[in-house]
Amino acid sequence: MNSQVTRLFVLSTPIFLVLCGSLCLAQDSHPIIGTWEWLFTESCTGEISNPQTEGFTIQRQFGELGQENNYRIYRNEALLFRGHYAISYVWINDTHIEILTIQQDSQEESLTFGFLSGDQLVLADLETDCPFAFYVRRGPVSAENTTWGGMKSQYR
């Protein structure tokens, strides 16, 4: 019996370490990390705006979590806004919601967010739950300094 327990322990430990390593790796990253290109926004009344109707593009860039949580917005790939972000989780009426908080100086904006697929991000105002802004994952903005974390996030 003692040798069976020892054999089970020896065989299961490498499997456990591999699984734990994968889980720990997943906890260090978040799907929002990377650069996102604005596709369109749908207002509360159903009106649609997009880069063609507005005459400009918007890019949102989220840096690695835990490393200052840098956040940037670009308009036509020129830096428009620089700040920090945080992600929190709440339960509302048995629904798990992720909240994105963006800070610049003394201003703070809270948005709910989700993913339609791994490459499509949806943002909405936390209080009104609209408008909905849709983004697609893209490569770094040409003005960005490419980091190893940024390169990894493109291939997740």
N, C-alpha and C. Protein backbone atom coordinates (compact mmCIF):
# COMPACT_ATOMS: atom_id res chain seq x y z
N MET A 1 0.82 -1.20 0.00
CA MET A 1 0.00 0.00 0.00
C MET A 1 0.86 1.26 0.00
N ASN A 2 1.90 1.27 0.81
CA ASN A 2 2.78 2.42 0.92
C ASN A 2 3.50 2.68 -0.40
N SER A 3 3.89 1.64 -1.11
CA SER A 3 4.57 1.82 -2.39
C SER A 3 3.60 2.32 -3.46
N GLN A 4 2.31 1.95 -3.37
CA GLN A 4 1.32 2.46 -4.31
C GLN A 4 1.10 3.96 -4.12
N VAL A 5 1.06 4.39 -2.87
CA VAL A 5 0.90 5.81 -2.59
C VAL A 5 2.11 6.58 -3.09
N THR A 6 3.30 6.05 -2.86
CA THR A 6 4.52 6.70 -3.32
C THR A 6 4.54 6.78 -4.83
N ARG A 7 4.16 5.69 -5.51
CA ARG A 7 4.15 5.66 -6.98
C ARG A 7 3.11 6.67 -7.52
N LEU A 8 1.94 6.72 -6.90
CA LEU A 8 0.91 7.67 -7.31
C LEU A 8 1.41 9.11 -7.14
N PHE A 9 2.06 9.37 -6.02
CA PHE A 9 2.60 10.71 -5.76
C PHE A 9 3.66 11.07 -6.81
N VAL A 10 4.56 10.15 -7.09
CA VAL A 10 5.63 10.41 -8.05
C VAL A 10 5.07 10.64 -9.45
N LEU A 11 4.04 9.88 -9.83
CA LEU A 11 3.46 10.02 -11.16
C LEU A 11 2.58 11.27 -11.28
N SER A 12 1.87 11.62 -10.22
CA SER A 12 0.93 12.75 -10.30
C SER A 12 1.59 14.11 -10.09
N THR A 13 2.71 14.16 -9.41
CA THR A 13 3.36 15.44 -9.13
C THR A 13 3.75 16.19 -10.40
N PRO A 14 4.39 15.57 -11.41
CA PRO A 14 4.73 16.32 -12.64
C PRO A 14 3.48 16.82 -13.36
N ILE A 15 2.41 16.03 -13.36
CA ILE A 15 1.17 16.47 -14.01
C ILE A 15 0.61 17.68 -13.29
N PHE A 16 0.58 17.63 -11.96
CA PHE A 16 0.10 18.75 -11.16
C PHE A 16 0.92 20.01 -11.42
N LEU A 17 2.24 19.86 -11.47
CA LEU A 17 3.10 21.03 -11.69
C LEU A 17 2.88 21.64 -13.06
N VAL A 18 2.67 20.81 -14.07
CA VAL A 18 2.39 21.32 -15.41
C VAL A 18 1.07 22.08 -15.42
N LEU A 19 0.03 21.49 -14.82
CA LEU A 19 -1.27 22.15 -14.77
C LEU A 19 -1.21 23.44 -13.95
N CYS A 20 -0.55 23.40 -12.82
CA CYS A 20 -0.42 24.59 -11.98
C CYS A 20 0.34 25.67 -12.73
N GLY A 21 1.37 25.28 -13.44
CA GLY A 21 2.14 26.25 -14.21
C GLY A 21 1.28 26.94 -15.26
N SER A 22 0.41 26.18 -15.92
CA SER A 22 -0.49 26.75 -16.93
C SER A 22 -1.47 27.71 -16.29
N LEU A 23 -2.02 27.33 -15.13
CA LEU A 23 -2.97 28.20 -14.45
C LEU A 23 -2.29 29.46 -13.96
N CYS A 24 -1.12 29.34 -13.39
CA CYS A 24 -0.39 30.51 -12.90
C CYS A 24 -0.07 31.45 -14.04
N LEU A 25 0.29 30.90 -15.19
CA LEU A 25 0.59 31.71 -16.35
C LEU A 25 -0.64 32.47 -16.80
N ALA A 26 -1.80 31.78 -16.78
CA ALA A 26 -3.04 32.42 -17.21
C ALA A 26 -3.43 33.55 -16.27
N GLN A 27 -3.12 33.44 -14.97
CA GLN A 27 -3.48 34.47 -14.02
C GLN A 27 -2.63 35.72 -14.20
N ASP A 28 -1.44 35.61 -14.76
CA ASP A 28 -0.56 36.74 -14.93
C ASP A 28 -0.95 37.60 -16.12
N SER A 29 -1.84 37.12 -16.97
CA SER A 29 -2.22 37.86 -18.16
C SER A 29 -3.73 38.03 -18.19
N HIS A 30 -4.19 38.91 -19.05
CA HIS A 30 -5.63 39.14 -19.22
C HIS A 30 -5.87 39.39 -20.69
N PRO A 31 -6.99 38.92 -21.23
CA PRO A 31 -7.23 39.08 -22.67
C PRO A 31 -7.32 40.53 -23.13
N ILE A 32 -7.53 41.48 -22.23
CA ILE A 32 -7.63 42.88 -22.65
C ILE A 32 -6.27 43.48 -23.00
N ILE A 33 -5.20 42.86 -22.55
CA ILE A 33 -3.85 43.39 -22.78
C ILE A 33 -3.54 43.38 -24.27
N GLY A 34 -3.07 44.50 -24.76
CA GLY A 34 -2.75 44.64 -26.17
C GLY A 34 -3.33 45.92 -26.74
N THR A 35 -3.43 45.99 -28.05
CA THR A 35 -3.94 47.19 -28.74
C THR A 35 -5.22 46.83 -29.48
N TRP A 36 -6.20 47.73 -29.40
CA TRP A 36 -7.52 47.52 -29.96
C TRP A 36 -7.89 48.67 -30.89
N GLU A 37 -8.43 48.33 -32.06
CA GLU A 37 -8.84 49.32 -33.07
C GLU A 37 -10.36 49.46 -33.03
N TRP A 38 -10.83 50.71 -32.97
CA TRP A 38 -12.27 50.99 -32.93
C TRP A 38 -12.93 50.58 -34.23
N LEU A 39 -14.01 49.77 -34.12
CA LEU A 39 -14.79 49.37 -35.29
C LEU A 39 -16.02 50.26 -35.46
N PHE A 40 -16.84 50.33 -34.39
CA PHE A 40 -18.04 51.17 -34.42
C PHE A 40 -18.59 51.32 -33.01
N THR A 41 -19.48 52.29 -32.84
CA THR A 41 -20.18 52.51 -31.58
C THR A 41 -21.67 52.57 -31.88
N GLU A 42 -22.45 51.89 -31.04
CA GLU A 42 -23.91 51.95 -31.15
C GLU A 42 -24.43 52.72 -29.95
N SER A 43 -25.17 53.81 -30.20
CA SER A 43 -25.69 54.65 -29.12
C SER A 43 -26.89 53.99 -28.46
N CYS A 44 -27.37 54.59 -27.39
CA CYS A 44 -28.55 54.08 -26.68
C CYS A 44 -29.79 54.11 -27.57
N THR A 45 -29.82 55.00 -28.57
CA THR A 45 -30.97 55.09 -29.47
C THR A 45 -30.79 54.27 -30.74
N GLY A 46 -29.65 53.55 -30.85
CA GLY A 46 -29.43 52.69 -32.00
C GLY A 46 -28.63 53.31 -33.12
N GLU A 47 -28.23 54.57 -32.97
CA GLU A 47 -27.42 55.22 -34.00
C GLU A 47 -26.02 54.61 -34.01
N ILE A 48 -25.46 54.46 -35.22
CA ILE A 48 -24.14 53.86 -35.40
C ILE A 48 -23.15 54.93 -35.85
N SER A 49 -21.99 54.96 -35.19
CA SER A 49 -20.88 55.79 -35.66
C SER A 49 -19.67 54.89 -35.82
N ASN A 50 -18.81 55.25 -36.76
CA ASN A 50 -17.61 54.46 -37.04
C ASN A 50 -16.55 55.38 -37.62
N PRO A 51 -15.35 54.87 -37.87
CA PRO A 51 -14.29 55.74 -38.40
C PRO A 51 -14.68 56.44 -39.71
N GLN A 52 -15.47 55.81 -40.56
CA GLN A 52 -15.86 56.42 -41.83
C GLN A 52 -16.84 57.59 -41.59
N THR A 53 -17.80 57.43 -40.67
CA THR A 53 -18.77 58.51 -40.43
C THR A 53 -18.16 59.64 -39.62
N GLU A 54 -17.16 59.35 -38.79
CA GLU A 54 -16.58 60.37 -37.90
C GLU A 54 -15.32 61.01 -38.48
N GLY A 55 -14.66 60.33 -39.42
CA GLY A 55 -13.47 60.89 -40.04
C GLY A 55 -12.18 60.69 -39.25
N PHE A 56 -12.18 59.79 -38.28
CA PHE A 56 -10.96 59.49 -37.52
C PHE A 56 -11.02 58.07 -36.98
N THR A 57 -9.85 57.55 -36.64
CA THR A 57 -9.75 56.23 -36.03
C THR A 57 -9.38 56.40 -34.55
N ILE A 58 -9.66 55.38 -33.77
CA ILE A 58 -9.29 55.38 -32.35
C ILE A 58 -8.63 54.04 -32.04
N GLN A 59 -7.53 54.11 -31.30
CA GLN A 59 -6.85 52.91 -30.85
C GLN A 59 -6.74 53.00 -29.33
N ARG A 60 -7.02 51.88 -28.64
CA ARG A 60 -6.85 51.78 -27.19
C ARG A 60 -5.76 50.76 -26.93
N GLN A 61 -4.82 51.12 -26.06
CA GLN A 61 -3.71 50.21 -25.75
C GLN A 61 -3.67 49.97 -24.25
N PHE A 62 -3.68 48.69 -23.87
CA PHE A 62 -3.63 48.27 -22.47
C PHE A 62 -2.31 47.54 -22.23
N GLY A 63 -1.50 48.06 -21.30
CA GLY A 63 -0.23 47.42 -20.98
C GLY A 63 -0.42 46.25 -20.04
N GLU A 64 0.68 45.55 -19.75
CA GLU A 64 0.66 44.39 -18.88
C GLU A 64 0.13 44.75 -17.50
N LEU A 65 -0.70 43.89 -16.94
CA LEU A 65 -1.19 44.08 -15.58
C LEU A 65 -0.04 43.96 -14.60
N GLY A 66 -0.07 44.77 -13.56
CA GLY A 66 0.95 44.69 -12.53
C GLY A 66 2.20 45.49 -12.85
N GLN A 67 2.34 45.95 -14.06
CA GLN A 67 3.50 46.76 -14.45
C GLN A 67 3.01 48.16 -14.78
N GLU A 68 2.51 48.84 -13.77
CA GLU A 68 1.98 50.19 -13.87
C GLU A 68 0.63 50.26 -14.59
N ASN A 69 0.17 49.18 -15.16
CA ASN A 69 -1.13 49.15 -15.84
C ASN A 69 -1.31 50.35 -16.78
N ASN A 70 -0.34 50.58 -17.63
CA ASN A 70 -0.39 51.72 -18.54
C ASN A 70 -1.54 51.59 -19.52
N TYR A 71 -2.18 52.73 -19.79
CA TYR A 71 -3.31 52.79 -20.71
C TYR A 71 -3.10 54.00 -21.61
N ARG A 72 -3.37 53.83 -22.90
CA ARG A 72 -3.23 54.93 -23.85
C ARG A 72 -4.38 54.90 -24.85
N ILE A 73 -4.80 56.08 -25.26
CA ILE A 73 -5.74 56.21 -26.37
C ILE A 73 -5.03 57.01 -27.46
N TYR A 74 -5.15 56.52 -28.68
CA TYR A 74 -4.60 57.20 -29.85
C TYR A 74 -5.76 57.60 -30.75
N ARG A 75 -5.64 58.75 -31.38
CA ARG A 75 -6.60 59.17 -32.41
C ARG A 75 -5.80 59.30 -33.69
N ASN A 76 -6.19 58.56 -34.71
CA ASN A 76 -5.42 58.48 -35.96
C ASN A 76 -3.95 58.17 -35.67
N GLU A 77 -3.73 57.29 -34.71
CA GLU A 77 -2.42 56.79 -34.29
C GLU A 77 -1.51 57.86 -33.67
N ALA A 78 -2.09 58.99 -33.24
CA ALA A 78 -1.34 60.01 -32.49
C ALA A 78 -1.83 59.96 -31.05
N LEU A 79 -0.91 59.97 -30.10
CA LEU A 79 -1.27 59.85 -28.69
C LEU A 79 -2.21 60.98 -28.28
N LEU A 80 -3.36 60.59 -27.70
CA LEU A 80 -4.37 61.55 -27.27
C LEU A 80 -4.49 61.58 -25.75
N PHE A 81 -4.32 60.43 -25.10
CA PHE A 81 -4.60 60.29 -23.68
C PHE A 81 -3.69 59.23 -23.09
N ARG A 82 -3.15 59.51 -21.92
CA ARG A 82 -2.29 58.55 -21.23
C ARG A 82 -2.73 58.47 -19.79
N GLY A 83 -2.84 57.27 -19.27
CA GLY A 83 -3.25 57.08 -17.88
C GLY A 83 -2.96 55.66 -17.43
N HIS A 84 -3.76 55.21 -16.48
CA HIS A 84 -3.63 53.86 -15.94
C HIS A 84 -5.01 53.23 -15.89
N TYR A 85 -5.02 51.91 -15.81
CA TYR A 85 -6.29 51.21 -15.72
C TYR A 85 -6.23 50.13 -14.65
N ALA A 86 -7.41 49.72 -14.21
CA ALA A 86 -7.54 48.62 -13.26
C ALA A 86 -8.76 47.81 -13.65
N ILE A 87 -8.72 46.53 -13.31
CA ILE A 87 -9.84 45.64 -13.59
C ILE A 87 -10.35 45.11 -12.26
N SER A 88 -11.67 45.19 -12.08
CA SER A 88 -12.28 44.64 -10.87
C SER A 88 -13.47 43.77 -11.28
N TYR A 89 -13.95 42.99 -10.34
CA TYR A 89 -15.01 42.03 -10.63
C TYR A 89 -16.12 42.22 -9.59
N VAL A 90 -17.37 42.21 -10.04
CA VAL A 90 -18.51 42.30 -9.13
C VAL A 90 -19.58 41.31 -9.56
N TRP A 91 -20.46 41.00 -8.64
CA TRP A 91 -21.63 40.18 -8.92
C TRP A 91 -22.86 41.07 -8.82
N ILE A 92 -23.65 41.13 -9.88
CA ILE A 92 -24.90 41.88 -9.87
C ILE A 92 -26.00 40.95 -10.35
N ASN A 93 -26.98 40.70 -9.48
CA ASN A 93 -28.10 39.80 -9.81
C ASN A 93 -27.61 38.47 -10.38
N ASP A 94 -26.69 37.83 -9.68
CA ASP A 94 -26.13 36.54 -10.07
C ASP A 94 -25.36 36.57 -11.40
N THR A 95 -24.95 37.75 -11.82
CA THR A 95 -24.17 37.88 -13.05
C THR A 95 -22.79 38.41 -12.70
N HIS A 96 -21.76 37.74 -13.18
CA HIS A 96 -20.38 38.16 -12.96
C HIS A 96 -20.03 39.22 -13.99
N ILE A 97 -19.61 40.40 -13.52
CA ILE A 97 -19.31 41.51 -14.41
C ILE A 97 -17.88 41.99 -14.17
N GLU A 98 -17.15 42.21 -15.25
CA GLU A 98 -15.80 42.77 -15.15
C GLU A 98 -15.91 44.27 -15.40
N ILE A 99 -15.26 45.05 -14.53
CA ILE A 99 -15.30 46.50 -14.63
C ILE A 99 -13.90 47.02 -14.92
N LEU A 100 -13.81 47.87 -15.91
CA LEU A 100 -12.56 48.50 -16.30
C LEU A 100 -12.60 49.94 -15.81
N THR A 101 -11.64 50.33 -14.98
CA THR A 101 -11.56 51.70 -14.49
C THR A 101 -10.33 52.35 -15.10
N ILE A 102 -10.53 53.49 -15.75
CA ILE A 102 -9.45 54.21 -16.41
C ILE A 102 -9.24 55.52 -15.67
N GLN A 103 -7.98 55.81 -15.36
CA GLN A 103 -7.67 57.02 -14.60
C GLN A 103 -6.63 57.87 -15.33
N GLN A 104 -6.90 59.17 -15.34
CA GLN A 104 -5.92 60.15 -15.80
C GLN A 104 -6.03 61.33 -14.85
N ASP A 105 -4.93 61.61 -14.17
CA ASP A 105 -4.92 62.66 -13.16
C ASP A 105 -6.07 62.41 -12.17
N SER A 106 -6.98 63.37 -12.02
CA SER A 106 -8.07 63.21 -11.05
C SER A 106 -9.35 62.68 -11.70
N GLN A 107 -9.35 62.46 -13.00
CA GLN A 107 -10.54 61.96 -13.69
C GLN A 107 -10.55 60.43 -13.70
N GLU A 108 -11.75 59.87 -13.58
CA GLU A 108 -11.90 58.42 -13.58
C GLU A 108 -13.12 58.04 -14.40
N GLU A 109 -13.00 57.02 -15.19
CA GLU A 109 -14.09 56.51 -16.03
C GLU A 109 -14.23 55.03 -15.75
N SER A 110 -15.47 54.57 -15.54
CA SER A 110 -15.71 53.14 -15.30
C SER A 110 -16.56 52.57 -16.43
N LEU A 111 -16.10 51.47 -16.99
CA LEU A 111 -16.77 50.81 -18.11
C LEU A 111 -16.94 49.33 -17.79
N THR A 112 -18.00 48.74 -18.31
CA THR A 112 -18.08 47.28 -18.30
C THR A 112 -17.48 46.82 -19.61
N PHE A 113 -16.98 45.60 -19.62
CA PHE A 113 -16.39 45.11 -20.86
C PHE A 113 -16.57 43.61 -20.97
N GLY A 114 -16.46 43.14 -22.20
CA GLY A 114 -16.55 41.72 -22.49
C GLY A 114 -15.97 41.46 -23.86
N PHE A 115 -15.94 40.20 -24.22
CA PHE A 115 -15.35 39.80 -25.50
C PHE A 115 -16.37 38.99 -26.28
N LEU A 116 -16.58 39.34 -27.55
CA LEU A 116 -17.44 38.55 -28.43
C LEU A 116 -16.69 37.33 -28.92
N SER A 117 -15.42 37.51 -29.12
CA SER A 117 -14.51 36.42 -29.44
C SER A 117 -13.18 36.87 -28.86
N GLY A 118 -12.13 36.10 -29.02
CA GLY A 118 -10.85 36.50 -28.48
C GLY A 118 -10.32 37.78 -29.08
N ASP A 119 -10.83 38.16 -30.26
CA ASP A 119 -10.29 39.32 -30.96
C ASP A 119 -11.26 40.49 -31.05
N GLN A 120 -12.42 40.43 -30.36
CA GLN A 120 -13.36 41.54 -30.39
C GLN A 120 -13.72 41.94 -28.96
N LEU A 121 -13.47 43.21 -28.64
CA LEU A 121 -13.71 43.78 -27.32
C LEU A 121 -14.93 44.69 -27.40
N VAL A 122 -15.81 44.60 -26.39
CA VAL A 122 -16.99 45.48 -26.31
C VAL A 122 -16.90 46.25 -25.00
N LEU A 123 -17.01 47.58 -25.08
CA LEU A 123 -17.00 48.44 -23.90
C LEU A 123 -18.35 49.15 -23.79
N ALA A 124 -18.82 49.34 -22.56
CA ALA A 124 -20.07 50.07 -22.33
C ALA A 124 -19.94 50.87 -21.04
N ASP A 125 -20.65 51.99 -20.97
CA ASP A 125 -20.65 52.81 -19.77
C ASP A 125 -21.25 52.01 -18.62
N LEU A 126 -20.64 52.07 -17.45
CA LEU A 126 -21.08 51.27 -16.31
C LEU A 126 -22.47 51.67 -15.83
N GLU A 127 -22.78 52.95 -15.82
CA GLU A 127 -24.06 53.41 -15.28
C GLU A 127 -25.21 53.24 -16.24
N THR A 128 -25.02 53.53 -17.53
CA THR A 128 -26.12 53.47 -18.49
C THR A 128 -26.12 52.20 -19.32
N ASP A 129 -25.03 51.44 -19.28
CA ASP A 129 -24.86 50.21 -20.07
C ASP A 129 -24.91 50.47 -21.57
N CYS A 130 -24.70 51.70 -21.98
CA CYS A 130 -24.56 52.04 -23.39
C CYS A 130 -23.93 53.43 -23.45
N PRO A 131 -23.37 53.89 -24.51
CA PRO A 131 -23.30 53.20 -25.79
C PRO A 131 -22.34 52.02 -25.74
N PHE A 132 -22.49 51.15 -26.72
CA PHE A 132 -21.58 50.02 -26.88
C PHE A 132 -20.53 50.38 -27.91
N ALA A 133 -19.27 50.26 -27.53
CA ALA A 133 -18.17 50.52 -28.46
C ALA A 133 -17.49 49.20 -28.77
N PHE A 134 -17.32 48.89 -30.03
CA PHE A 134 -16.74 47.63 -30.47
C PHE A 134 -15.33 47.87 -31.02
N TYR A 135 -14.40 47.02 -30.61
CA TYR A 135 -13.00 47.12 -31.01
C TYR A 135 -12.52 45.75 -31.48
N VAL A 136 -11.51 45.76 -32.34
CA VAL A 136 -10.89 44.52 -32.79
C VAL A 136 -9.40 44.59 -32.44
N ARG A 137 -8.84 43.44 -32.05
CA ARG A 137 -7.41 43.39 -31.70
C ARG A 137 -6.56 43.70 -32.93
N ARG A 138 -5.49 44.42 -32.72
CA ARG A 138 -4.59 44.78 -33.80
C ARG A 138 -3.16 44.80 -33.29
N GLY A 139 -2.22 45.05 -34.19
CA GLY A 139 -0.83 45.19 -33.81
C GLY A 139 -0.60 46.53 -33.13
N PRO A 140 0.61 46.75 -32.63
CA PRO A 140 0.90 48.01 -31.93
C PRO A 140 0.74 49.23 -32.83
N VAL A 141 0.36 50.35 -32.21
CA VAL A 141 0.33 51.63 -32.90
C VAL A 141 1.77 51.99 -33.24
N SER A 142 2.00 52.58 -34.40
CA SER A 142 3.36 52.85 -34.84
C SER A 142 4.13 53.73 -33.85
N ALA A 143 3.43 54.53 -33.06
CA ALA A 143 4.09 55.41 -32.09
C ALA A 143 4.49 54.67 -30.81
N GLU A 144 4.01 53.44 -30.63
CA GLU A 144 4.29 52.69 -29.41
C GLU A 144 5.70 52.12 -29.43
N ASN A 145 6.29 52.03 -28.27
CA ASN A 145 7.52 51.27 -28.11
C ASN A 145 7.11 49.82 -27.88
N THR A 146 7.50 48.93 -28.75
CA THR A 146 7.12 47.54 -28.64
C THR A 146 7.89 46.90 -27.48
N THR A 147 7.12 46.19 -26.62
CA THR A 147 7.72 45.48 -25.49
C THR A 147 7.50 44.00 -25.70
N TRP A 148 8.24 43.20 -24.95
CA TRP A 148 8.06 41.76 -25.04
C TRP A 148 6.64 41.38 -24.65
N GLY A 149 6.10 41.97 -23.58
CA GLY A 149 4.73 41.69 -23.15
C GLY A 149 3.72 42.06 -24.22
N GLY A 150 3.94 43.19 -24.87
CA GLY A 150 3.05 43.62 -25.94
C GLY A 150 3.06 42.66 -27.12
N MET A 151 4.24 42.17 -27.44
CA MET A 151 4.35 41.21 -28.55
C MET A 151 3.65 39.91 -28.17
N LYS A 152 3.82 39.44 -26.92
CA LYS A 152 3.17 38.19 -26.49
C LYS A 152 1.67 38.33 -26.55
N SER A 153 1.13 39.50 -26.17
CA SER A 153 -0.32 39.67 -26.11
C SER A 153 -0.98 39.58 -27.49
N GLN A 154 -0.23 39.86 -28.55
CA GLN A 154 -0.78 39.78 -29.90
C GLN A 154 -1.06 38.34 -30.32
N TYR A 155 -0.39 37.39 -29.69
CA TYR A 155 -0.49 36.00 -30.12
C TYR A 155 -1.21 35.12 -29.12
N ARG A 156 -1.97 35.69 -28.23
CA ARG A 156 -2.72 34.90 -27.25
C ARG A 156 -3.98 34.38 -27.85
